[in-house]
Amino acid sequence: MDINHCPACGSNDYISYPHPVYRRCNNCDSLYQYTGIDKVADYYDCNIPDFSNQTGSYHTYLRIMKRFIKLESYWLIDIGSGDGLFLDLAKPYVRQVMGFDTSPTAKSLLKDKGYWIDDHWAILNPKIITAFQVIEHIQDPRVFIRDLHVGEFDWLVITSPAPDSQTAIKCHPTGRWRSLSPTHHICLFSRLGLEKLATDCGLTLVHYEYTWSACHGFIDNFRKNLLSYLKWPIKRIIGRRDPLPIFYGKNSFIAILKKPDR
């Protein structure tokens, strides 16, 4: 299956990109896969859910959210909840938490914690919907947002890899960016692309800032990058020609969007 237009802004005007399955949108600068999209289902069928500890990043997200949203007034629904760690941390700050995930393992864990979304979640108002590192996996983000009952939530908070961050831009000339993960990262939204998507969906972008890559926080990223640098000379000694690793800092974004009348 091929994609002939940018999922972020809908344009079919593109320029080449130094990666075999990605294109760069000439209208909004987002990156998107244009071929092999049918393999996404195979990836998720075979992939083991990643329940890595992201406590530091989740605290950062909550701190940012509290600057713009009166959390105690809202129900919070998290899409792609995994093991429910973010909901554990958010629970003291909001009226109620619920979660959803396509993984059967995650569904079982969320049910055990009493977080699983029931049939009545759509009538809860007012509510915040969060979706961390989710939207880049979606083939049609407009349908995704529409299916979130866009007319019934007050706030949407998302994180995703940011192709226009300084860290990502360093890798663009060669296509060496960790977030270029073929088969499951379908669209990597530039800020302009996200703004166009928000406008099309009737949302207003309230806040946007870069966050640590893979949403694991500073300490975890420092450890991973340090290990990469330590391994590099060993690889060269044994004859591998791996290029010098690039330090990965803040190459994701967090965006807070709302309904204009809220």
C-alpha atoms as a PDB file:
ATOM      1  CA  MET A   1       0.000   0.000   0.000  1.00  0.00           C
ATOM      2  CA  ASP A   2       1.296   3.473  -0.899  1.00  0.00           C
ATOM      3  CA  ILE A   3       0.463   6.938   0.492  1.00  0.00           C
ATOM      4  CA  ASN A   4       0.270   9.647  -2.145  1.00  0.00           C
ATOM      5  CA  HIS A   5      -0.227  12.633   0.130  1.00  0.00           C
ATOM      6  CA  CYS A   6       1.132  14.000   3.398  1.00  0.00           C
ATOM      7  CA  PRO A   7      -0.937  12.725   6.376  1.00  0.00           C
ATOM      8  CA  ALA A   8      -0.227  15.991   8.225  1.00  0.00           C
ATOM      9  CA  CYS A   9      -1.425  18.619   5.732  1.00  0.00           C
ATOM     10  CA  GLY A  10      -2.857  16.604   2.841  1.00  0.00           C
ATOM     11  CA  SER A  11      -0.459  17.979   0.201  1.00  0.00           C
ATOM     12  CA  ASN A  12       0.881  15.735  -2.570  1.00  0.00           C
ATOM     13  CA  ASP A  13       3.837  18.053  -3.205  1.00  0.00           C
ATOM     14  CA  TYR A  14       6.978  16.412  -1.867  1.00  0.00           C
ATOM     15  CA  ILE A  15      10.761  16.397  -2.162  1.00  0.00           C
ATOM     16  CA  SER A  16      13.139  13.470  -1.890  1.00  0.00           C
ATOM     17  CA  TYR A  17      14.560  12.398   1.456  1.00  0.00           C
ATOM     18  CA  PRO A  18      17.687  10.309   2.217  1.00  0.00           C
ATOM     19  CA  HIS A  19      15.742   7.276   3.408  1.00  0.00           C
ATOM     20  CA  PRO A  20      14.281   4.607   1.129  1.00  0.00           C
ATOM     21  CA  VAL A  21      10.669   4.748   2.366  1.00  0.00           C
ATOM     22  CA  TYR A  22      10.253   8.385   3.484  1.00  0.00           C
ATOM     23  CA  ARG A  23       9.395  11.595   1.699  1.00  0.00           C
ATOM     24  CA  ARG A  24       9.515  15.183   2.971  1.00  0.00           C
ATOM     25  CA  CYS A  25       6.373  17.214   2.412  1.00  0.00           C
ATOM     26  CA  ASN A  26       7.199  20.344   0.433  1.00  0.00           C
ATOM     27  CA  ASN A  27       4.224  22.127   1.972  1.00  0.00           C
ATOM     28  CA  CYS A  28       4.723  21.578   5.718  1.00  0.00           C
ATOM     29  CA  ASP A  29       8.127  19.813   6.032  1.00  0.00           C
ATOM     30  CA  SER A  30       6.688  16.749   7.749  1.00  0.00           C
ATOM     31  CA  LEU A  31       8.232  13.361   6.925  1.00  0.00           C
ATOM     32  CA  TYR A  32       6.028  10.469   5.910  1.00  0.00           C
ATOM     33  CA  GLN A  33       6.277   6.945   4.586  1.00  0.00           C
ATOM     34  CA  TYR A  34       4.919   6.600   1.094  1.00  0.00           C
ATOM     35  CA  THR A  35       5.264   2.854   0.551  1.00  0.00           C
ATOM     36  CA  GLY A  36       4.975  -0.392   2.474  1.00  0.00           C
ATOM     37  CA  ILE A  37       2.272   0.897   4.815  1.00  0.00           C
ATOM     38  CA  ASP A  38       0.507  -2.462   4.677  1.00  0.00           C
ATOM     39  CA  LYS A  39       3.324  -3.879   6.816  1.00  0.00           C
ATOM     40  CA  VAL A  40       2.257  -1.834   9.836  1.00  0.00           C
ATOM     41  CA  ALA A  41      -0.279  -4.447  10.940  1.00  0.00           C
ATOM     42  CA  ASP A  42       2.412  -7.133  10.754  1.00  0.00           C
ATOM     43  CA  TYR A  43       4.638  -5.060  13.031  1.00  0.00           C
ATOM     44  CA  TYR A  44       1.988  -4.733  15.713  1.00  0.00           C
ATOM     45  CA  ASP A  45       0.941  -8.365  15.454  1.00  0.00           C
ATOM     46  CA  CYS A  46       4.514  -9.436  16.214  1.00  0.00           C
ATOM     47  CA  ASN A  47       5.714  -6.623  18.454  1.00  0.00           C
ATOM     48  CA  ILE A  48       6.093  -7.110  22.200  1.00  0.00           C
ATOM     49  CA  PRO A  49       4.633  -4.087  24.040  1.00  0.00           C
ATOM     50  CA  ASP A  50       7.237  -1.665  25.384  1.00  0.00           C
ATOM     51  CA  PHE A  51       6.459  -0.962  29.027  1.00  0.00           C
ATOM     52  CA  SER A  52       9.736   0.829  29.740  1.00  0.00           C
ATOM     53  CA  ASN A  53       9.796   3.095  32.777  1.00  0.00           C
ATOM     54  CA  GLN A  54       9.087   6.674  31.688  1.00  0.00           C
ATOM     55  CA  THR A  55       8.304   8.125  35.112  1.00  0.00           C
ATOM     56  CA  GLY A  56      10.536  11.184  34.636  1.00  0.00           C
ATOM     57  CA  SER A  57       8.968  12.126  31.332  1.00  0.00           C
ATOM     58  CA  TYR A  58       5.433  11.595  32.613  1.00  0.00           C
ATOM     59  CA  HIS A  59       6.124  13.952  35.522  1.00  0.00           C
ATOM     60  CA  THR A  60       7.408  16.476  32.962  1.00  0.00           C
ATOM     61  CA  TYR A  61       4.225  16.125  30.890  1.00  0.00           C
ATOM     62  CA  LEU A  62       2.052  16.654  33.965  1.00  0.00           C
ATOM     63  CA  ARG A  63       4.085  19.695  34.992  1.00  0.00           C
ATOM     64  CA  ILE A  64       3.607  21.229  31.527  1.00  0.00           C
ATOM     65  CA  MET A  65      -0.093  20.353  31.449  1.00  0.00           C
ATOM     66  CA  LYS A  66      -0.695  22.002  34.827  1.00  0.00           C
ATOM     67  CA  ARG A  67       0.588  25.297  33.420  1.00  0.00           C
ATOM     68  CA  PHE A  68      -2.289  25.448  30.925  1.00  0.00           C
ATOM     69  CA  ILE A  69      -5.072  23.191  32.226  1.00  0.00           C
ATOM     70  CA  LYS A  70      -6.884  23.137  35.558  1.00  0.00           C
ATOM     71  CA  LEU A  71      -6.437  19.377  35.851  1.00  0.00           C
ATOM     72  CA  GLU A  72      -8.635  18.862  38.919  1.00  0.00           C
ATOM     73  CA  SER A  73     -11.684  19.867  36.861  1.00  0.00           C
ATOM     74  CA  TYR A  74     -11.313  17.071  34.305  1.00  0.00           C
ATOM     75  CA  TRP A  75     -11.594  13.392  33.607  1.00  0.00           C
ATOM     76  CA  LEU A  76      -8.446  12.130  31.853  1.00  0.00           C
ATOM     77  CA  ILE A  77      -8.442   9.447  29.163  1.00  0.00           C
ATOM     78  CA  ASP A  78      -5.076   8.144  27.950  1.00  0.00           C
ATOM     79  CA  ILE A  79      -4.784   6.487  24.528  1.00  0.00           C
ATOM     80  CA  GLY A  80      -1.935   3.983  24.198  1.00  0.00           C
ATOM     81  CA  SER A  81      -1.751   3.558  27.967  1.00  0.00           C
ATOM     82  CA  GLY A  82       0.551   0.524  28.066  1.00  0.00           C
ATOM     83  CA  ASP A  83       0.820  -0.653  31.651  1.00  0.00           C
ATOM     84  CA  GLY A  84      -1.015   2.414  32.996  1.00  0.00           C
ATOM     85  CA  LEU A  85       2.021   4.094  34.563  1.00  0.00           C
ATOM     86  CA  PHE A  86       1.040   7.571  33.370  1.00  0.00           C
ATOM     87  CA  LEU A  87      -2.462   7.061  34.745  1.00  0.00           C
ATOM     88  CA  ASP A  88      -0.977   6.047  38.109  1.00  0.00           C
ATOM     89  CA  LEU A  89       0.921   9.332  38.220  1.00  0.00           C
ATOM     90  CA  ALA A  90      -1.930  11.500  36.889  1.00  0.00           C
ATOM     91  CA  LYS A  91      -4.634  10.053  39.149  1.00  0.00           C
ATOM     92  CA  PRO A  92      -4.040  12.404  42.131  1.00  0.00           C
ATOM     93  CA  TYR A  93      -4.401  15.479  39.929  1.00  0.00           C
ATOM     94  CA  VAL A  94      -7.651  14.772  38.024  1.00  0.00           C
ATOM     95  CA  ARG A  95     -11.207  13.679  38.773  1.00  0.00           C
ATOM     96  CA  GLN A  96     -10.879  10.233  37.218  1.00  0.00           C
ATOM     97  CA  VAL A  97      -8.502   8.348  34.904  1.00  0.00           C
ATOM     98  CA  MET A  98      -9.239   5.837  32.139  1.00  0.00           C
ATOM     99  CA  GLY A  99      -7.040   4.201  29.521  1.00  0.00           C
ATOM    100  CA  PHE A 100      -7.097   2.388  26.187  1.00  0.00           C
ATOM    101  CA  ASP A 101      -4.526   0.321  24.305  1.00  0.00           C
ATOM    102  CA  THR A 102      -4.670  -2.094  21.365  1.00  0.00           C
ATOM    103  CA  SER A 103      -2.307  -4.532  23.092  1.00  0.00           C
ATOM    104  CA  PRO A 104      -4.130  -7.440  24.798  1.00  0.00           C
ATOM    105  CA  THR A 105      -1.423  -7.442  27.471  1.00  0.00           C
ATOM    106  CA  ALA A 106      -1.976  -3.748  28.155  1.00  0.00           C
ATOM    107  CA  LYS A 107      -5.754  -4.223  28.196  1.00  0.00           C
ATOM    108  CA  SER A 108      -5.423  -6.902  30.863  1.00  0.00           C
ATOM    109  CA  LEU A 109      -3.147  -4.700  32.993  1.00  0.00           C
ATOM    110  CA  LEU A 110      -5.464  -1.709  32.679  1.00  0.00           C
ATOM    111  CA  LYS A 111      -8.473  -3.810  33.664  1.00  0.00           C
ATOM    112  CA  ASP A 112      -6.610  -5.099  36.711  1.00  0.00           C
ATOM    113  CA  LYS A 113      -5.994  -1.499  37.798  1.00  0.00           C
ATOM    114  CA  GLY A 114      -9.590  -0.461  37.097  1.00  0.00           C
ATOM    115  CA  TYR A 115      -8.505   1.970  34.371  1.00  0.00           C
ATOM    116  CA  TRP A 116      -9.964   0.305  31.282  1.00  0.00           C
ATOM    117  CA  ILE A 117     -12.398   2.491  29.306  1.00  0.00           C
ATOM    118  CA  ASP A 118     -15.987   1.317  29.669  1.00  0.00           C
ATOM    119  CA  ASP A 119     -18.950   1.975  27.402  1.00  0.00           C
ATOM    120  CA  HIS A 120     -19.778   5.262  29.126  1.00  0.00           C
ATOM    121  CA  TRP A 121     -16.494   7.112  28.647  1.00  0.00           C
ATOM    122  CA  ALA A 122     -17.756   9.243  25.748  1.00  0.00           C
ATOM    123  CA  ILE A 123     -20.379  10.983  27.892  1.00  0.00           C
ATOM    124  CA  LEU A 124     -17.844  12.158  30.474  1.00  0.00           C
ATOM    125  CA  ASN A 125     -17.469  15.928  30.291  1.00  0.00           C
ATOM    126  CA  PRO A 126     -15.285  17.866  30.601  1.00  0.00           C
ATOM    127  CA  LYS A 127     -12.320  15.679  29.715  1.00  0.00           C
ATOM    128  CA  ILE A 128      -8.691  15.642  28.620  1.00  0.00           C
ATOM    129  CA  ILE A 129      -7.415  13.073  26.152  1.00  0.00           C
ATOM    130  CA  THR A 130      -3.712  12.254  26.130  1.00  0.00           C
ATOM    131  CA  ALA A 131      -1.881  10.231  23.465  1.00  0.00           C
ATOM    132  CA  PHE A 132       1.878   9.963  23.984  1.00  0.00           C
ATOM    133  CA  GLN A 133       3.987   8.710  21.057  1.00  0.00           C
ATOM    134  CA  VAL A 134       0.851   7.519  19.260  1.00  0.00           C
ATOM    135  CA  ILE A 135      -0.047   9.850  16.387  1.00  0.00           C
ATOM    136  CA  GLU A 136       3.091   9.022  14.355  1.00  0.00           C
ATOM    137  CA  HIS A 137       1.743   5.466  14.029  1.00  0.00           C
ATOM    138  CA  ILE A 138      -1.595   6.553  12.558  1.00  0.00           C
ATOM    139  CA  GLN A 139      -2.183   6.386   8.797  1.00  0.00           C
ATOM    140  CA  ASP A 140      -5.053   8.913   8.834  1.00  0.00           C
ATOM    141  CA  PRO A 141      -4.685  11.260  11.839  1.00  0.00           C
ATOM    142  CA  ARG A 142      -7.893  13.145  10.966  1.00  0.00           C
ATOM    143  CA  VAL A 143      -9.934   9.984  11.312  1.00  0.00           C
ATOM    144  CA  PHE A 144      -8.077   9.212  14.545  1.00  0.00           C
ATOM    145  CA  ILE A 145      -8.988  12.586  16.060  1.00  0.00           C
ATOM    146  CA  ARG A 146     -12.561  12.330  14.787  1.00  0.00           C
ATOM    147  CA  ASP A 147     -12.903   8.938  16.450  1.00  0.00           C
ATOM    148  CA  LEU A 148     -11.853  10.508  19.750  1.00  0.00           C
ATOM    149  CA  HIS A 149     -15.239  12.298  19.732  1.00  0.00           C
ATOM    150  CA  VAL A 150     -13.629  15.626  18.876  1.00  0.00           C
ATOM    151  CA  GLY A 151     -16.794  17.558  19.709  1.00  0.00           C
ATOM    152  CA  GLU A 152     -16.858  16.200  23.253  1.00  0.00           C
ATOM    153  CA  PHE A 153     -13.380  16.669  24.680  1.00  0.00           C
ATOM    154  CA  ASP A 154     -11.914  19.940  25.902  1.00  0.00           C
ATOM    155  CA  TRP A 155      -8.184  19.241  25.598  1.00  0.00           C
ATOM    156  CA  LEU A 156      -5.941  16.956  23.551  1.00  0.00           C
ATOM    157  CA  VAL A 157      -2.314  16.485  24.664  1.00  0.00           C
ATOM    158  CA  ILE A 158       0.057  14.580  22.395  1.00  0.00           C
ATOM    159  CA  THR A 159       3.764  13.827  22.083  1.00  0.00           C
ATOM    160  CA  SER A 160       5.551  12.606  18.966  1.00  0.00           C
ATOM    161  CA  PRO A 161       9.013  12.668  17.297  1.00  0.00           C
ATOM    162  CA  ALA A 162       9.786  16.166  15.965  1.00  0.00           C
ATOM    163  CA  PRO A 163      11.577  16.263  12.588  1.00  0.00           C
ATOM    164  CA  ASP A 164      12.212  20.009  12.910  1.00  0.00           C
ATOM    165  CA  SER A 165      13.951  19.773  16.298  1.00  0.00           C
ATOM    166  CA  GLN A 166      17.640  20.641  16.300  1.00  0.00           C
ATOM    167  CA  THR A 167      18.596  17.090  17.254  1.00  0.00           C
ATOM    168  CA  ALA A 168      16.634  15.595  14.377  1.00  0.00           C
ATOM    169  CA  ILE A 169      17.884  18.155  11.859  1.00  0.00           C
ATOM    170  CA  LYS A 170      21.471  17.074  12.561  1.00  0.00           C
ATOM    171  CA  CYS A 171      20.569  13.644  11.209  1.00  0.00           C
ATOM    172  CA  HIS A 172      18.533  14.718   8.183  1.00  0.00           C
ATOM    173  CA  PRO A 173      21.307  14.941   5.580  1.00  0.00           C
ATOM    174  CA  THR A 174      21.952  11.195   5.908  1.00  0.00           C
ATOM    175  CA  GLY A 175      18.594  10.016   7.209  1.00  0.00           C
ATOM    176  CA  ARG A 176      20.275   8.839  10.420  1.00  0.00           C
ATOM    177  CA  TRP A 177      17.533   9.561  12.912  1.00  0.00           C
ATOM    178  CA  ARG A 178      16.286   6.966  15.379  1.00  0.00           C
ATOM    179  CA  SER A 179      12.682   7.951  14.848  1.00  0.00           C
ATOM    180  CA  LEU A 180      12.893   6.843  11.211  1.00  0.00           C
ATOM    181  CA  SER A 181      11.588   3.422  12.128  1.00  0.00           C
ATOM    182  CA  PRO A 182      10.127   1.844   8.959  1.00  0.00           C
ATOM    183  CA  THR A 183       6.861  -0.085   9.204  1.00  0.00           C
ATOM    184  CA  HIS A 184       5.493   1.735  12.245  1.00  0.00           C
ATOM    185  CA  HIS A 185       6.359   5.462  12.160  1.00  0.00           C
ATOM    186  CA  ILE A 186       4.095   6.543   9.323  1.00  0.00           C
ATOM    187  CA  CYS A 187       4.224  10.320   9.743  1.00  0.00           C
ATOM    188  CA  LEU A 188       6.642  12.517  11.675  1.00  0.00           C
ATOM    189  CA  PHE A 189       4.905  15.861  12.117  1.00  0.00           C
ATOM    190  CA  SER A 190       6.673  19.193  11.797  1.00  0.00           C
ATOM    191  CA  ARG A 191       5.215  21.980  13.891  1.00  0.00           C
ATOM    192  CA  LEU A 192       3.638  23.489  10.764  1.00  0.00           C
ATOM    193  CA  GLY A 193       2.181  20.112   9.827  1.00  0.00           C
ATOM    194  CA  LEU A 194       0.698  19.703  13.301  1.00  0.00           C
ATOM    195  CA  GLU A 195      -0.796  23.194  13.166  1.00  0.00           C
ATOM    196  CA  LYS A 196      -2.438  22.425   9.816  1.00  0.00           C
ATOM    197  CA  LEU A 197      -3.804  19.160  11.190  1.00  0.00           C
ATOM    198  CA  ALA A 198      -5.158  20.934  14.274  1.00  0.00           C
ATOM    199  CA  THR A 199      -6.877  23.608  12.174  1.00  0.00           C
ATOM    200  CA  ASP A 200      -8.458  20.984   9.927  1.00  0.00           C
ATOM    201  CA  CYS A 201      -9.808  19.210  13.011  1.00  0.00           C
ATOM    202  CA  GLY A 202     -11.205  22.359  14.616  1.00  0.00           C
ATOM    203  CA  LEU A 203      -8.550  22.569  17.323  1.00  0.00           C
ATOM    204  CA  THR A 204      -6.275  25.373  18.533  1.00  0.00           C
ATOM    205  CA  LEU A 205      -2.614  24.776  19.337  1.00  0.00           C
ATOM    206  CA  VAL A 206      -2.143  26.299  22.803  1.00  0.00           C
ATOM    207  CA  HIS A 207       1.392  25.179  23.581  1.00  0.00           C
ATOM    208  CA  TYR A 208       4.263  23.396  21.796  1.00  0.00           C
ATOM    209  CA  GLU A 209       7.734  22.567  23.047  1.00  0.00           C
ATOM    210  CA  TYR A 210      10.478  20.013  22.437  1.00  0.00           C
ATOM    211  CA  THR A 211      11.040  17.176  24.902  1.00  0.00           C
ATOM    212  CA  TRP A 212      13.621  14.437  25.338  1.00  0.00           C
ATOM    213  CA  SER A 213      13.832  11.806  22.615  1.00  0.00           C
ATOM    214  CA  ALA A 214      11.709   8.675  22.950  1.00  0.00           C
ATOM    215  CA  CYS A 215      10.112  10.389  25.975  1.00  0.00           C
ATOM    216  CA  HIS A 216      12.463   8.598  28.401  1.00  0.00           C
ATOM    217  CA  GLY A 217      13.869  11.728  30.077  1.00  0.00           C
ATOM    218  CA  PHE A 218      17.344  13.231  30.490  1.00  0.00           C
ATOM    219  CA  ILE A 219      18.984  10.559  32.672  1.00  0.00           C
ATOM    220  CA  ASP A 220      17.901   7.681  30.464  1.00  0.00           C
ATOM    221  CA  ASN A 221      18.997   9.503  27.311  1.00  0.00           C
ATOM    222  CA  PHE A 222      22.368  10.398  28.822  1.00  0.00           C
ATOM    223  CA  ARG A 223      22.979   6.756  29.742  1.00  0.00           C
ATOM    224  CA  LYS A 224      22.008   5.500  26.287  1.00  0.00           C
ATOM    225  CA  ASN A 225      24.146   8.053  24.504  1.00  0.00           C
ATOM    226  CA  LEU A 226      27.133   7.428  26.772  1.00  0.00           C
ATOM    227  CA  LEU A 227      26.935   3.707  26.040  1.00  0.00           C
ATOM    228  CA  SER A 228      26.758   4.421  22.311  1.00  0.00           C
ATOM    229  CA  TYR A 229      29.951   6.509  22.458  1.00  0.00           C
ATOM    230  CA  LEU A 230      31.769   3.870  24.542  1.00  0.00           C
ATOM    231  CA  LYS A 231      30.814   1.106  22.112  1.00  0.00           C
ATOM    232  CA  TRP A 232      31.832   3.044  19.005  1.00  0.00           C
ATOM    233  CA  PRO A 233      35.672   2.635  19.256  1.00  0.00           C
ATOM    234  CA  ILE A 234      35.241  -1.068  19.990  1.00  0.00           C
ATOM    235  CA  LYS A 235      33.158  -1.459  16.833  1.00  0.00           C
ATOM    236  CA  ARG A 236      35.851   0.331  14.834  1.00  0.00           C
ATOM    237  CA  ILE A 237      38.565  -1.906  16.255  1.00  0.00           C
ATOM    238  CA  ILE A 238      36.732  -5.065  15.209  1.00  0.00           C
ATOM    239  CA  GLY A 239      36.296  -3.693  11.681  1.00  0.00           C
ATOM    240  CA  ARG A 240      32.805  -2.240  11.684  1.00  0.00           C
ATOM    241  CA  ARG A 241      32.361   1.102   9.944  1.00  0.00           C
ATOM    242  CA  ASP A 242      29.622   2.579  12.099  1.00  0.00           C
ATOM    243  CA  PRO A 243      29.617   6.410  11.973  1.00  0.00           C
ATOM    244  CA  LEU A 244      30.247   8.338  15.170  1.00  0.00           C
ATOM    245  CA  PRO A 245      26.991   8.405  17.164  1.00  0.00           C
ATOM    246  CA  ILE A 246      25.024  11.623  17.282  1.00  0.00           C
ATOM    247  CA  PHE A 247      23.856  12.835  20.685  1.00  0.00           C
ATOM    248  CA  TYR A 248      20.076  12.615  20.858  1.00  0.00           C
ATOM    249  CA  GLY A 249      18.582  15.342  22.987  1.00  0.00           C
ATOM    250  CA  LYS A 250      15.155  16.908  22.723  1.00  0.00           C
ATOM    251  CA  ASN A 251      13.885  15.453  19.462  1.00  0.00           C
ATOM    252  CA  SER A 252      10.230  14.891  20.393  1.00  0.00           C
ATOM    253  CA  PHE A 253       7.511  17.458  21.045  1.00  0.00           C
ATOM    254  CA  ILE A 254       4.612  17.866  23.416  1.00  0.00           C
ATOM    255  CA  ALA A 255       1.610  19.767  22.077  1.00  0.00           C
ATOM    256  CA  ILE A 256      -1.458  20.947  23.980  1.00  0.00           C
ATOM    257  CA  LEU A 257      -4.538  21.501  21.821  1.00  0.00           C
ATOM    258  CA  LYS A 258      -8.055  22.568  22.744  1.00  0.00           C
ATOM    259  CA  LYS A 259     -11.446  23.298  21.327  1.00  0.00           C
ATOM    260  CA  PRO A 260     -11.533  27.032  20.419  1.00  0.00           C
ATOM    261  CA  ASP A 261     -14.588  27.712  22.577  1.00  0.00           C
ATOM    262  CA  ARG A 262     -13.088  26.193  25.725  1.00  0.00           C
END
